[in-house]
Structures are given as C-alpha cells and as structure tokens.
PDB file of N, CA and C in Angstrom:
ATOM      1  N   MET A   1      14.570  -0.286 109.848  1.00  0.00           N
ATOM      2  CA  MET A   1      14.504  -1.607 109.262  1.00  0.00           C
ATOM      3  C   MET A   1      14.089  -1.463 107.793  1.00  0.00           C
ATOM      4  N   LYS A   2      14.728  -2.245 106.944  1.00  0.00           N
ATOM      5  CA  LYS A   2      14.408  -2.222 105.517  1.00  0.00           C
ATOM      6  C   LYS A   2      13.604  -3.469 105.160  1.00  0.00           C
ATOM      7  N   HIS A   3      12.830  -3.363 104.092  1.00  0.00           N
ATOM      8  CA  HIS A   3      11.967  -4.448 103.649  1.00  0.00           C
ATOM      9  C   HIS A   3      12.404  -4.890 102.258  1.00  0.00           C
ATOM     10  N   TYR A   4      12.371  -6.202 102.056  1.00  0.00           N
ATOM     11  CA  TYR A   4      12.791  -6.794 100.793  1.00  0.00           C
ATOM     12  C   TYR A   4      11.819  -7.900 100.411  1.00  0.00           C
ATOM     13  N   ILE A   5      11.817  -8.210  99.130  1.00  0.00           N
ATOM     14  CA  ILE A   5      11.150  -9.423  98.666  1.00  0.00           C
ATOM     15  C   ILE A   5      12.194 -10.280  97.968  1.00  0.00           C
ATOM     16  N   ILE A   6      12.031 -11.576  98.100  1.00  0.00           N
ATOM     17  CA  ILE A   6      12.874 -12.524  97.376  1.00  0.00           C
ATOM     18  C   ILE A   6      12.025 -13.086  96.255  1.00  0.00           C
ATOM     19  N   TYR A   7      12.585 -13.133  95.062  1.00  0.00           N
ATOM     20  CA  TYR A   7      11.858 -13.659  93.909  1.00  0.00           C
ATOM     21  C   TYR A   7      12.774 -14.540  93.069  1.00  0.00           C
ATOM     22  N   ASN A   8      12.142 -15.463  92.319  1.00  0.00           N
ATOM     23  CA  ASN A   8      12.931 -16.404  91.527  1.00  0.00           C
ATOM     24  C   ASN A   8      13.177 -15.857  90.123  1.00  0.00           C
ATOM     25  N   GLN A   9      13.826 -16.658  89.283  1.00  0.00           N
ATOM     26  CA  GLN A   9      14.196 -16.219  87.932  1.00  0.00           C
ATOM     27  C   GLN A   9      12.989 -15.918  87.052  1.00  0.00           C
ATOM     28  N   GLN A  10      11.840 -16.528  87.362  1.00  0.00           N
ATOM     29  CA  GLN A  10      10.623 -16.272  86.584  1.00  0.00           C
ATOM     30  C   GLN A  10       9.865 -15.049  87.107  1.00  0.00           C
ATOM     31  N   GLY A  11      10.353 -14.442  88.194  1.00  0.00           N
ATOM     32  CA  GLY A  11       9.697 -13.267  88.755  1.00  0.00           C
ATOM     33  C   GLY A  11       8.707 -13.587  89.862  1.00  0.00           C
ATOM     34  N   LYS A  12       8.505 -14.868  90.155  1.00  0.00           N
ATOM     35  CA  LYS A  12       7.561 -15.252  91.214  1.00  0.00           C
ATOM     36  C   LYS A  12       8.110 -14.796  92.555  1.00  0.00           C
ATOM     37  N   ILE A  13       7.288 -14.038  93.288  1.00  0.00           N
ATOM     38  CA  ILE A  13       7.692 -13.546  94.594  1.00  0.00           C
ATOM     39  C   ILE A  13       7.538 -14.685  95.602  1.00  0.00           C
ATOM     40  N   LEU A  14       8.619 -14.977  96.291  1.00  0.00           N
ATOM     41  CA  LEU A  14       8.656 -16.122  97.187  1.00  0.00           C
ATOM     42  C   LEU A  14       8.447 -15.746  98.652  1.00  0.00           C
ATOM     43  N   GLN A  15       8.910 -14.551  99.043  1.00  0.00           N
ATOM     44  CA  GLN A  15       8.896 -14.256 100.468  1.00  0.00           C
ATOM     45  C   GLN A  15       9.194 -12.784 100.728  1.00  0.00           C
ATOM     46  N   ASN A  16       8.625 -12.259 101.813  1.00  0.00           N
ATOM     47  CA  ASN A  16       8.955 -10.947 102.354  1.00  0.00           C
ATOM     48  C   ASN A  16      10.037 -11.116 103.406  1.00  0.00           C
ATOM     49  N   ILE A  17      10.939 -10.142 103.496  1.00  0.00           N
ATOM     50  CA  ILE A  17      11.956 -10.129 104.549  1.00  0.00           C
ATOM     51  C   ILE A  17      12.076  -8.697 105.055  1.00  0.00           C
ATOM     52  N   SER A  18      12.091  -8.542 106.365  1.00  0.00           N
ATOM     53  CA  SER A  18      12.367  -7.253 106.997  1.00  0.00           C
ATOM     54  C   SER A  18      13.603  -7.448 107.866  1.00  0.00           C
ATOM     55  N   THR A  19      14.636  -6.648 107.622  1.00  0.00           N
ATOM     56  CA  THR A  19      15.896  -6.867 108.317  1.00  0.00           C
ATOM     57  C   THR A  19      16.729  -5.599 108.332  1.00  0.00           C
ATOM     58  N   ASN A  20      17.671  -5.559 109.246  1.00  0.00           N
ATOM     59  CA  ASN A  20      18.683  -4.506 109.266  1.00  0.00           C
ATOM     60  C   ASN A  20      19.983  -4.995 108.644  1.00  0.00           C
ATOM     61  N   GLU A  21      20.018  -6.284 108.280  1.00  0.00           N
ATOM     62  CA  GLU A  21      21.224  -6.874 107.687  1.00  0.00           C
ATOM     63  C   GLU A  21      21.431  -6.363 106.267  1.00  0.00           C
ATOM     64  N   ASN A  22      22.665  -6.470 105.820  1.00  0.00           N
ATOM     65  CA  ASN A  22      22.987  -6.181 104.432  1.00  0.00           C
ATOM     66  C   ASN A  22      22.418  -7.320 103.582  1.00  0.00           C
ATOM     67  N   PRO A  23      21.534  -7.023 102.629  1.00  0.00           N
ATOM     68  CA  PRO A  23      20.918  -8.108 101.844  1.00  0.00           C
ATOM     69  C   PRO A  23      21.923  -8.915 101.032  1.00  0.00           C
ATOM     70  N   ASN A  24      23.081  -8.344 100.753  1.00  0.00           N
ATOM     71  CA  ASN A  24      24.088  -9.090  99.991  1.00  0.00           C
ATOM     72  C   ASN A  24      24.669 -10.247 100.786  1.00  0.00           C
ATOM     73  N   SER A  25      24.470 -10.246 102.116  1.00  0.00           N
ATOM     74  CA  SER A  25      24.998 -11.336 102.938  1.00  0.00           C
ATOM     75  C   SER A  25      23.994 -12.483 103.075  1.00  0.00           C
ATOM     76  N   MET A  26      22.793 -12.335 102.513  1.00  0.00           N
ATOM     77  CA  MET A  26      21.764 -13.377 102.634  1.00  0.00           C
ATOM     78  C   MET A  26      22.002 -14.485 101.617  1.00  0.00           C
ATOM     79  N   LEU A  27      21.704 -15.709 102.020  1.00  0.00           N
ATOM     80  CA  LEU A  27      21.758 -16.842 101.096  1.00  0.00           C
ATOM     81  C   LEU A  27      20.484 -16.846 100.275  1.00  0.00           C
ATOM     82  N   LEU A  28      20.593 -16.692  98.985  1.00  0.00           N
ATOM     83  CA  LEU A  28      19.417 -16.577  98.134  1.00  0.00           C
ATOM     84  C   LEU A  28      19.174 -17.814  97.283  1.00  0.00           C
ATOM     85  N   PHE A  29      20.107 -18.740  97.250  1.00  0.00           N
ATOM     86  CA  PHE A  29      19.953 -19.999  96.509  1.00  0.00           C
ATOM     87  C   PHE A  29      19.493 -19.768  95.070  1.00  0.00           C
ATOM     88  N   GLY A  30      20.131 -18.831  94.382  1.00  0.00           N
ATOM     89  CA  GLY A  30      19.812 -18.578  92.982  1.00  0.00           C
ATOM     90  C   GLY A  30      18.659 -17.618  92.774  1.00  0.00           C
ATOM     91  N   ASN A  31      18.044 -17.139  93.851  1.00  0.00           N
ATOM     92  CA  ASN A  31      16.952 -16.185  93.742  1.00  0.00           C
ATOM     93  C   ASN A  31      17.520 -14.770  93.815  1.00  0.00           C
ATOM     94  N   SER A  32      16.665 -13.779  93.611  1.00  0.00           N
ATOM     95  CA  SER A  32      17.077 -12.381  93.649  1.00  0.00           C
ATOM     96  C   SER A  32      16.331 -11.665  94.756  1.00  0.00           C
ATOM     97  N   ILE A  33      16.803 -10.470  95.085  1.00  0.00           N
ATOM     98  CA  ILE A  33      16.196  -9.686  96.158  1.00  0.00           C
ATOM     99  C   ILE A  33      15.930  -8.270  95.650  1.00  0.00           C
ATOM    100  N   LEU A  34      14.840  -7.684  96.108  1.00  0.00           N
ATOM    101  CA  LEU A  34      14.454  -6.337  95.711  1.00  0.00           C
ATOM    102  C   LEU A  34      13.975  -5.593  96.941  1.00  0.00           C
ATOM    103  N   GLU A  35      14.509  -4.388  97.166  1.00  0.00           N
ATOM    104  CA  GLU A  35      14.055  -3.575  98.293  1.00  0.00           C
ATOM    105  C   GLU A  35      12.691  -2.982  97.958  1.00  0.00           C
ATOM    106  N   VAL A  36      11.797  -3.001  98.935  1.00  0.00           N
ATOM    107  CA  VAL A  36      10.448  -2.456  98.781  1.00  0.00           C
ATOM    108  C   VAL A  36      10.158  -1.529  99.965  1.00  0.00           C
ATOM    109  N   PRO A  37       9.231  -0.573  99.791  1.00  0.00           N
ATOM    110  CA  PRO A  37       8.958   0.354 100.882  1.00  0.00           C
ATOM    111  C   PRO A  37       8.304  -0.299 102.099  1.00  0.00           C
ATOM    112  N   GLN A  38       7.535  -1.368 101.874  1.00  0.00           N
ATOM    113  CA  GLN A  38       6.867  -2.085 102.959  1.00  0.00           C
ATOM    114  C   GLN A  38       6.618  -3.516 102.502  1.00  0.00           C
ATOM    115  N   PRO A  39       6.400  -4.444 103.437  1.00  0.00           N
ATOM    116  CA  PRO A  39       6.136  -5.832 103.030  1.00  0.00           C
ATOM    117  C   PRO A  39       4.895  -5.912 102.137  1.00  0.00           C
ATOM    118  N   LEU A  40       4.928  -6.808 101.161  1.00  0.00           N
ATOM    119  CA  LEU A  40       3.783  -7.019 100.276  1.00  0.00           C
ATOM    120  C   LEU A  40       2.801  -7.971 100.945  1.00  0.00           C
ATOM    121  N   LEU A  41       1.544  -7.566 101.015  1.00  0.00           N
ATOM    122  CA  LEU A  41       0.544  -8.408 101.665  1.00  0.00           C
ATOM    123  C   LEU A  41      -0.010  -9.467 100.727  1.00  0.00           C
ATOM    124  N   ASP A  42      -0.185  -9.144  99.466  1.00  0.00           N
ATOM    125  CA  ASP A  42      -0.813 -10.059  98.512  1.00  0.00           C
ATOM    126  C   ASP A  42       0.150 -10.354  97.369  1.00  0.00           C
ATOM    127  N   PHE A  43       1.294 -10.972  97.707  1.00  0.00           N
ATOM    128  CA  PHE A  43       2.282 -11.141  96.654  1.00  0.00           C
ATOM    129  C   PHE A  43       1.983 -12.294  95.709  1.00  0.00           C
ATOM    130  N   GLU A  44       0.949 -13.119  96.006  1.00  0.00           N
ATOM    131  CA  GLU A  44       0.589 -14.188  95.071  1.00  0.00           C
ATOM    132  C   GLU A  44       0.043 -13.630  93.758  1.00  0.00           C
ATOM    133  N   SER A  45      -0.483 -12.410  93.781  1.00  0.00           N
ATOM    134  CA  SER A  45      -1.069 -11.822  92.571  1.00  0.00           C
ATOM    135  C   SER A  45      -0.103 -10.866  91.879  1.00  0.00           C
ATOM    136  N   LYS A  46       1.162 -10.894  92.294  1.00  0.00           N
ATOM    137  CA  LYS A  46       2.153  -9.997  91.715  1.00  0.00           C
ATOM    138  C   LYS A  46       3.403 -10.777  91.338  1.00  0.00           C
ATOM    139  N   LYS A  47       4.243 -10.138  90.528  1.00  0.00           N
ATOM    140  CA  LYS A  47       5.537 -10.718  90.176  1.00  0.00           C
ATOM    141  C   LYS A  47       6.524  -9.581  89.956  1.00  0.00           C
ATOM    142  N   VAL A  48       7.788  -9.915  89.841  1.00  0.00           N
ATOM    143  CA  VAL A  48       8.816  -8.925  89.558  1.00  0.00           C
ATOM    144  C   VAL A  48       9.191  -9.053  88.092  1.00  0.00           C
ATOM    145  N   GLN A  49       9.130  -7.925  87.410  1.00  0.00           N
ATOM    146  CA  GLN A  49       9.473  -7.902  85.989  1.00  0.00           C
ATOM    147  C   GLN A  49      10.325  -6.665  85.750  1.00  0.00           C
ATOM    148  N   ASN A  50      11.522  -6.855  85.228  1.00  0.00           N
ATOM    149  CA  ASN A  50      12.449  -5.756  84.977  1.00  0.00           C
ATOM    150  C   ASN A  50      12.681  -4.907  86.223  1.00  0.00           C
ATOM    151  N   GLY A  51      12.801  -5.556  87.372  1.00  0.00           N
ATOM    152  CA  GLY A  51      13.090  -4.864  88.612  1.00  0.00           C
ATOM    153  C   GLY A  51      11.919  -4.120  89.228  1.00  0.00           C
ATOM    154  N   LYS A  52      10.707  -4.326  88.694  1.00  0.00           N
ATOM    155  CA  LYS A  52       9.514  -3.660  89.229  1.00  0.00           C
ATOM    156  C   LYS A  52       8.449  -4.699  89.555  1.00  0.00           C
ATOM    157  N   ILE A  53       7.615  -4.377  90.525  1.00  0.00           N
ATOM    158  CA  ILE A  53       6.520  -5.266  90.907  1.00  0.00           C
ATOM    159  C   ILE A  53       5.328  -4.959  90.012  1.00  0.00           C
ATOM    160  N   VAL A  54       4.804  -5.989  89.366  1.00  0.00           N
ATOM    161  CA  VAL A  54       3.652  -5.839  88.472  1.00  0.00           C
ATOM    162  C   VAL A  54       2.621  -6.910  88.808  1.00  0.00           C
ATOM    163  N   GLY A  55       1.380  -6.662  88.422  1.00  0.00           N
ATOM    164  CA  GLY A  55       0.325  -7.661  88.594  1.00  0.00           C
ATOM    165  C   GLY A  55       0.494  -8.778  87.580  1.00  0.00           C
ATOM    166  N   ILE A  56      -0.065  -9.929  87.877  1.00  0.00           N
ATOM    167  CA  ILE A  56       0.018 -11.046  86.938  1.00  0.00           C
ATOM    168  C   ILE A  56      -1.283 -11.171  86.172  1.00  0.00           C
ATOM    169  N   SER A  57      -1.190 -11.724  84.993  1.00  0.00           N
ATOM    170  CA  SER A  57      -2.360 -11.888  84.139  1.00  0.00           C
ATOM    171  C   SER A  57      -3.202 -13.074  84.611  1.00  0.00           C
ATOM    172  N   ALA A  58      -4.418 -13.162  84.112  1.00  0.00           N
ATOM    173  CA  ALA A  58      -5.299 -14.283  84.470  1.00  0.00           C
ATOM    174  C   ALA A  58      -4.662 -15.612  84.070  1.00  0.00           C
ATOM    175  N   GLN A  59      -4.014 -15.642  82.912  1.00  0.00           N
ATOM    176  CA  GLN A  59      -3.367 -16.873  82.454  1.00  0.00           C
ATOM    177  C   GLN A  59      -2.237 -17.274  83.408  1.00  0.00           C
ATOM    178  N   GLU A  60      -1.434 -16.296  83.836  1.00  0.00           N
ATOM    179  CA  GLU A  60      -0.373 -16.598  84.786  1.00  0.00           C
ATOM    180  C   GLU A  60      -0.955 -17.030  86.122  1.00  0.00           C
ATOM    181  N   ASN A  61      -2.085 -16.440  86.508  1.00  0.00           N
ATOM    182  CA  ASN A  61      -2.722 -16.809  87.761  1.00  0.00           C
ATOM    183  C   ASN A  61      -3.179 -18.259  87.725  1.00  0.00           C
ATOM    184  N   ASP A  62      -3.684 -18.719  86.574  1.00  0.00           N
ATOM    185  CA  ASP A  62      -4.062 -20.126  86.422  1.00  0.00           C
ATOM    186  C   ASP A  62      -2.850 -21.021  86.636  1.00  0.00           C
ATOM    187  N   PHE A  63      -1.710 -20.620  86.112  1.00  0.00           N
ATOM    188  CA  PHE A  63      -0.495 -21.388  86.322  1.00  0.00           C
ATOM    189  C   PHE A  63      -0.085 -21.355  87.793  1.00  0.00           C
ATOM    190  N   ASN A  64      -0.202 -20.184  88.429  1.00  0.00           N
ATOM    191  CA  ASN A  64       0.257 -20.029  89.805  1.00  0.00           C
ATOM    192  C   ASN A  64      -0.488 -20.923  90.780  1.00  0.00           C
ATOM    193  N   TYR A  65      -1.811 -21.062  90.634  1.00  0.00           N
ATOM    194  CA  TYR A  65      -2.520 -21.922  91.589  1.00  0.00           C
ATOM    195  C   TYR A  65      -1.988 -23.348  91.491  1.00  0.00           C
ATOM    196  N   ASP A  66      -1.745 -23.802  90.279  1.00  0.00           N
ATOM    197  CA  ASP A  66      -1.248 -25.160  90.080  1.00  0.00           C
ATOM    198  C   ASP A  66       0.169 -25.310  90.643  1.00  0.00           C
ATOM    199  N   PHE A  67       1.013 -24.329  90.386  1.00  0.00           N
ATOM    200  CA  PHE A  67       2.385 -24.371  90.881  1.00  0.00           C
ATOM    201  C   PHE A  67       2.400 -24.294  92.402  1.00  0.00           C
ATOM    202  N   ASN A  68       1.562 -23.419  92.978  1.00  0.00           N
ATOM    203  CA  ASN A  68       1.495 -23.302  94.438  1.00  0.00           C
ATOM    204  C   ASN A  68       1.015 -24.602  95.069  1.00  0.00           C
ATOM    205  N   ARG A  69       0.037 -25.256  94.441  1.00  0.00           N
ATOM    206  CA  ARG A  69      -0.409 -26.553  94.953  1.00  0.00           C
ATOM    207  C   ARG A  69       0.740 -27.547  94.925  1.00  0.00           C
ATOM    208  N   TYR A  70       1.463 -27.574  93.824  1.00  0.00           N
ATOM    209  CA  TYR A  70       2.594 -28.483  93.691  1.00  0.00           C
ATOM    210  C   TYR A  70       3.588 -28.292  94.838  1.00  0.00           C
ATOM    211  N   LEU A  71       3.882 -27.028  95.173  1.00  0.00           N
ATOM    212  CA  LEU A  71       4.833 -26.753  96.244  1.00  0.00           C
ATOM    213  C   LEU A  71       4.282 -27.133  97.615  1.00  0.00           C
ATOM    214  N   GLU A  72       2.970 -27.072  97.782  1.00  0.00           N
ATOM    215  CA  GLU A  72       2.346 -27.283  99.088  1.00  0.00           C
ATOM    216  C   GLU A  72       2.039 -28.756  99.386  1.00  0.00           C
ATOM    217  N   TYR A  73       1.769 -29.549  98.332  1.00  0.00           N
ATOM    218  CA  TYR A  73       1.438 -30.956  98.572  1.00  0.00           C
ATOM    219  C   TYR A  73       2.589 -31.673  99.268  1.00  0.00           C
ATOM    220  N   PRO A  74       2.285 -32.607 100.153  1.00  0.00           N
ATOM    221  CA  PRO A  74       3.352 -33.427 100.747  1.00  0.00           C
ATOM    222  C   PRO A  74       4.030 -34.269  99.660  1.00  0.00           C
ATOM    223  N   ALA A  75       5.222 -34.753  99.966  1.00  0.00           N
ATOM    224  CA  ALA A  75       5.938 -35.622  99.031  1.00  0.00           C
ATOM    225  C   ALA A  75       5.077 -36.847  98.716  1.00  0.00           C
ATOM    226  N   ILE A  76       5.252 -37.405  97.534  1.00  0.00           N
ATOM    227  CA  ILE A  76       4.457 -38.556  97.091  1.00  0.00           C
ATOM    228  C   ILE A  76       4.529 -39.696  98.102  1.00  0.00           C
ATOM    229  N   ARG A  77       5.713 -39.983  98.637  1.00  0.00           N
ATOM    230  CA  ARG A  77       5.826 -41.095  99.592  1.00  0.00           C
ATOM    231  C   ARG A  77       5.003 -40.821 100.842  1.00  0.00           C
ATOM    232  N   GLU A  78       4.916 -39.546 101.255  1.00  0.00           N
ATOM    233  CA  GLU A  78       4.081 -39.203 102.409  1.00  0.00           C
ATOM    234  C   GLU A  78       2.601 -39.371 102.068  1.00  0.00           C
ATOM    235  N   GLN A  79       2.220 -38.998 100.845  1.00  0.00           N
ATOM    236  CA  GLN A  79       0.827 -39.172 100.426  1.00  0.00           C
ATOM    237  C   GLN A  79       0.461 -40.646 100.387  1.00  0.00           C
ATOM    238  N   PHE A  80       1.357 -41.470  99.829  1.00  0.00           N
ATOM    239  CA  PHE A  80       1.081 -42.906  99.781  1.00  0.00           C
ATOM    240  C   PHE A  80       1.024 -43.498 101.186  1.00  0.00           C
ATOM    241  N   GLY A  81       1.890 -43.020 102.076  1.00  0.00           N
ATOM    242  CA  GLY A  81       1.862 -43.489 103.456  1.00  0.00           C
ATOM    243  C   GLY A  81       0.532 -43.164 104.125  1.00  0.00           C
ATOM    244  N   ALA A  82       0.043 -41.941 103.929  1.00  0.00           N
ATOM    245  CA  ALA A  82      -1.252 -41.535 104.504  1.00  0.00           C
ATOM    246  C   ALA A  82      -2.378 -42.364 103.900  1.00  0.00           C
ATOM    247  N   LEU A  83      -2.320 -42.585 102.583  1.00  0.00           N
ATOM    248  CA  LEU A  83      -3.349 -43.385 101.914  1.00  0.00           C
ATOM    249  C   LEU A  83      -3.340 -44.822 102.434  1.00  0.00           C
ATOM    250  N   TRP A  84      -2.150 -45.405 102.605  1.00  0.00           N
ATOM    251  CA  TRP A  84      -2.051 -46.770 103.115  1.00  0.00           C
ATOM    252  C   TRP A  84      -2.682 -46.864 104.506  1.00  0.00           C
ATOM    253  N   HIS A  85      -2.348 -45.910 105.381  1.00  0.00           N
ATOM    254  CA  HIS A  85      -2.912 -45.932 106.742  1.00  0.00           C
ATOM    255  C   HIS A  85      -4.427 -45.776 106.716  1.00  0.00           C
ATOM    256  N   ASP A  86      -4.938 -44.917 105.828  1.00  0.00           N
ATOM    257  CA  ASP A  86      -6.386 -44.750 105.712  1.00  0.00           C
ATOM    258  C   ASP A  86      -7.052 -46.059 105.282  1.00  0.00           C
ATOM    259  N   ILE A  87      -6.460 -46.723 104.298  1.00  0.00           N
ATOM    260  CA  ILE A  87      -7.010 -48.002 103.831  1.00  0.00           C
ATOM    261  C   ILE A  87      -6.911 -49.052 104.935  1.00  0.00           C
ATOM    262  N   ASP A  88      -5.775 -49.077 105.620  1.00  0.00           N
ATOM    263  CA  ASP A  88      -5.570 -50.032 106.707  1.00  0.00           C
ATOM    264  C   ASP A  88      -6.600 -49.835 107.827  1.00  0.00           C
ATOM    265  N   GLN A  89      -7.060 -48.611 108.005  1.00  0.00           N
ATOM    266  CA  GLN A  89      -8.071 -48.322 109.023  1.00  0.00           C
ATOM    267  C   GLN A  89      -9.492 -48.506 108.503  1.00  0.00           C
ATOM    268  N   GLY A  90      -9.608 -48.975 107.240  1.00  0.00           N
ATOM    269  CA  GLY A  90     -10.924 -49.267 106.680  1.00  0.00           C
ATOM    270  C   GLY A  90     -11.686 -48.041 106.205  1.00  0.00           C
ATOM    271  N   LEU A  91     -10.981 -46.984 105.865  1.00  0.00           N
ATOM    272  CA  LEU A  91     -11.648 -45.767 105.394  1.00  0.00           C
ATOM    273  C   LEU A  91     -11.885 -45.844 103.886  1.00  0.00           C
ATOM    274  N   PHE A  92     -13.110 -46.220 103.518  1.00  0.00           N
ATOM    275  CA  PHE A  92     -13.505 -46.331 102.112  1.00  0.00           C
ATOM    276  C   PHE A  92     -14.762 -45.508 101.883  1.00  0.00           C
ATOM    277  N   GLY A  93     -15.080 -45.245 100.628  1.00  0.00           N
ATOM    278  CA  GLY A  93     -16.304 -44.508 100.298  1.00  0.00           C
ATOM    279  C   GLY A  93     -16.343 -43.155 100.983  1.00  0.00           C
ATOM    280  N   GLU A  94     -17.474 -42.778 101.526  1.00  0.00           N
ATOM    281  CA  GLU A  94     -17.625 -41.487 102.209  1.00  0.00           C
ATOM    282  C   GLU A  94     -16.719 -41.388 103.425  1.00  0.00           C
ATOM    283  N   ASN A  95     -16.446 -42.497 104.089  1.00  0.00           N
ATOM    284  CA  ASN A  95     -15.561 -42.477 105.257  1.00  0.00           C
ATOM    285  C   ASN A  95     -14.133 -42.064 104.889  1.00  0.00           C
ATOM    286  N   ALA A  96     -13.739 -42.304 103.646  1.00  0.00           N
ATOM    287  CA  ALA A  96     -12.385 -41.935 103.205  1.00  0.00           C
ATOM    288  C   ALA A  96     -12.175 -40.425 103.297  1.00  0.00           C
ATOM    289  N   LYS A  97     -13.260 -39.658 103.251  1.00  0.00           N
ATOM    290  CA  LYS A  97     -13.154 -38.201 103.322  1.00  0.00           C
ATOM    291  C   LYS A  97     -12.757 -37.724 104.723  1.00  0.00           C
ATOM    292  N   GLN A  98     -12.704 -38.631 105.686  1.00  0.00           N
ATOM    293  CA  GLN A  98     -12.250 -38.291 107.037  1.00  0.00           C
ATOM    294  C   GLN A  98     -10.776 -38.662 107.238  1.00  0.00           C
ATOM    295  N   GLY A  99     -10.194 -39.329 106.250  1.00  0.00           N
ATOM    296  CA  GLY A  99      -8.806 -39.796 106.372  1.00  0.00           C
ATOM    297  C   GLY A  99      -7.781 -38.695 106.143  1.00  0.00           C
ATOM    298  N   LYS A 100      -6.561 -38.973 106.561  1.00  0.00           N
ATOM    299  CA  LYS A 100      -5.469 -38.006 106.460  1.00  0.00           C
ATOM    300  C   LYS A 100      -5.136 -37.665 105.011  1.00  0.00           C
ATOM    301  N   PHE A 101      -5.118 -38.660 104.129  1.00  0.00           N
ATOM    302  CA  PHE A 101      -4.797 -38.392 102.729  1.00  0.00           C
ATOM    303  C   PHE A 101      -5.779 -37.389 102.142  1.00  0.00           C
ATOM    304  N   TYR A 102      -7.055 -37.675 102.271  1.00  0.00           N
ATOM    305  CA  TYR A 102      -8.084 -36.817 101.681  1.00  0.00           C
ATOM    306  C   TYR A 102      -8.054 -35.410 102.279  1.00  0.00           C
ATOM    307  N   THR A 103      -7.979 -35.324 103.609  1.00  0.00           N
ATOM    308  CA  THR A 103      -8.043 -34.007 104.251  1.00  0.00           C
ATOM    309  C   THR A 103      -6.802 -33.167 103.954  1.00  0.00           C
ATOM    310  N   THR A 104      -5.636 -33.802 103.833  1.00  0.00           N
ATOM    311  CA  THR A 104      -4.416 -33.067 103.498  1.00  0.00           C
ATOM    312  C   THR A 104      -4.499 -32.496 102.093  1.00  0.00           C
ATOM    313  N   VAL A 105      -4.902 -33.311 101.132  1.00  0.00           N
ATOM    314  CA  VAL A 105      -5.029 -32.847  99.749  1.00  0.00           C
ATOM    315  C   VAL A 105      -6.120 -31.776  99.648  1.00  0.00           C
ATOM    316  N   LEU A 106      -7.225 -31.976 100.334  1.00  0.00           N
ATOM    317  CA  LEU A 106      -8.321 -31.009 100.311  1.00  0.00           C
ATOM    318  C   LEU A 106      -7.882 -29.654 100.870  1.00  0.00           C
ATOM    319  N   ASP A 107      -7.096 -29.663 101.940  1.00  0.00           N
ATOM    320  CA  ASP A 107      -6.593 -28.405 102.507  1.00  0.00           C
ATOM    321  C   ASP A 107      -5.787 -27.614 101.481  1.00  0.00           C
ATOM    322  N   VAL A 108      -4.928 -28.294 100.728  1.00  0.00           N
ATOM    323  CA  VAL A 108      -4.123 -27.625  99.705  1.00  0.00           C
ATOM    324  C   VAL A 108      -5.010 -27.086  98.597  1.00  0.00           C
ATOM    325  N   LYS A 109      -5.970 -27.894  98.154  1.00  0.00           N
ATOM    326  CA  LYS A 109      -6.876 -27.452  97.092  1.00  0.00           C
ATOM    327  C   LYS A 109      -7.692 -26.239  97.536  1.00  0.00           C
ATOM    328  N   ASN A 110      -8.101 -26.213  98.797  1.00  0.00           N
ATOM    329  CA  ASN A 110      -8.861 -25.072  99.300  1.00  0.00           C
ATOM    330  C   ASN A 110      -7.976 -23.832  99.459  1.00  0.00           C
ATOM    331  N   LYS A 111      -6.712 -24.038  99.804  1.00  0.00           N
ATOM    332  CA  LYS A 111      -5.782 -22.925  99.978  1.00  0.00           C
ATOM    333  C   LYS A 111      -5.471 -22.253  98.642  1.00  0.00           C
ATOM    334  N   PHE A 112      -5.386 -23.055  97.578  1.00  0.00           N
ATOM    335  CA  PHE A 112      -5.086 -22.553  96.237  1.00  0.00           C
ATOM    336  C   PHE A 112      -6.161 -23.017  95.268  1.00  0.00           C
ATOM    337  N   PRO A 113      -7.362 -22.403  95.298  1.00  0.00           N
ATOM    338  CA  PRO A 113      -8.444 -22.848  94.420  1.00  0.00           C
ATOM    339  C   PRO A 113      -8.187 -22.501  92.952  1.00  0.00           C
ATOM    340  N   LYS A 114      -8.817 -23.260  92.076  1.00  0.00           N
ATOM    341  CA  LYS A 114      -8.768 -22.915  90.648  1.00  0.00           C
ATOM    342  C   LYS A 114      -9.517 -21.610  90.461  1.00  0.00           C
ATOM    343  N   THR A 115      -9.029 -20.806  89.535  1.00  0.00           N
ATOM    344  CA  THR A 115      -9.696 -19.523  89.297  1.00  0.00           C
ATOM    345  C   THR A 115     -10.595 -19.587  88.098  1.00  0.00           C
TER     346      THR A 115
END
C-alpha cells in the first residue's frame, strides 16, 4: 500500500490517503497529490513547498488556526438557527453557555486555539 497527501495550491495539506489505486485516477478537485513514505500525523504544522514537506512559520500558523476555524464552523444559517432555538428556549446570560450555538462555536475554538 502506498501513502499520499493531498494539498491545495497554497501548499496546505488537506488529507492523508493510503491506497493501492493509481493516484492519477483520484478526483482531486484542483488539489495536488504527493507520495509520502508514511501518513503524516501532524500535518497542520506542515505544508508542501516545491514538492517537499516543510514546517510552517509562526505567522503562517496564526493564519492556519483562523482558516481551520473557518472551515470547521457550521454554515451561517445553521448558526443562526441554533441561536434562534437557544433564544426561543430562554437561554440568556450564563445559561446561554449551555445552548447549541455557544457549545458548537466553543468546540471549534478549542479545537483550533489561537497561538
């Protein structure tokens, strides 16, 4: 079995793939693929540059947490729906911290903390 990473045009590593398939037959949706000796465990701190995996700088890491949060947050309409239901259930003040809107956003913020 061979191991690959999929990365976007900016070099951000999106996913590990292990397969026996020909990588040229995979749908990449404008992304690129690179064969690696083994799956990357901590690819959030790395990127692909000139066909090689390199670490990212602190400045890029600051951007990455924000970008990762953006990708992880639910769609705005879902957030507004959760907020409406929380308000409809009378969740205000400290009680609002038990609502779906607050806990969903908090989970994302905890998953991708500011550095």
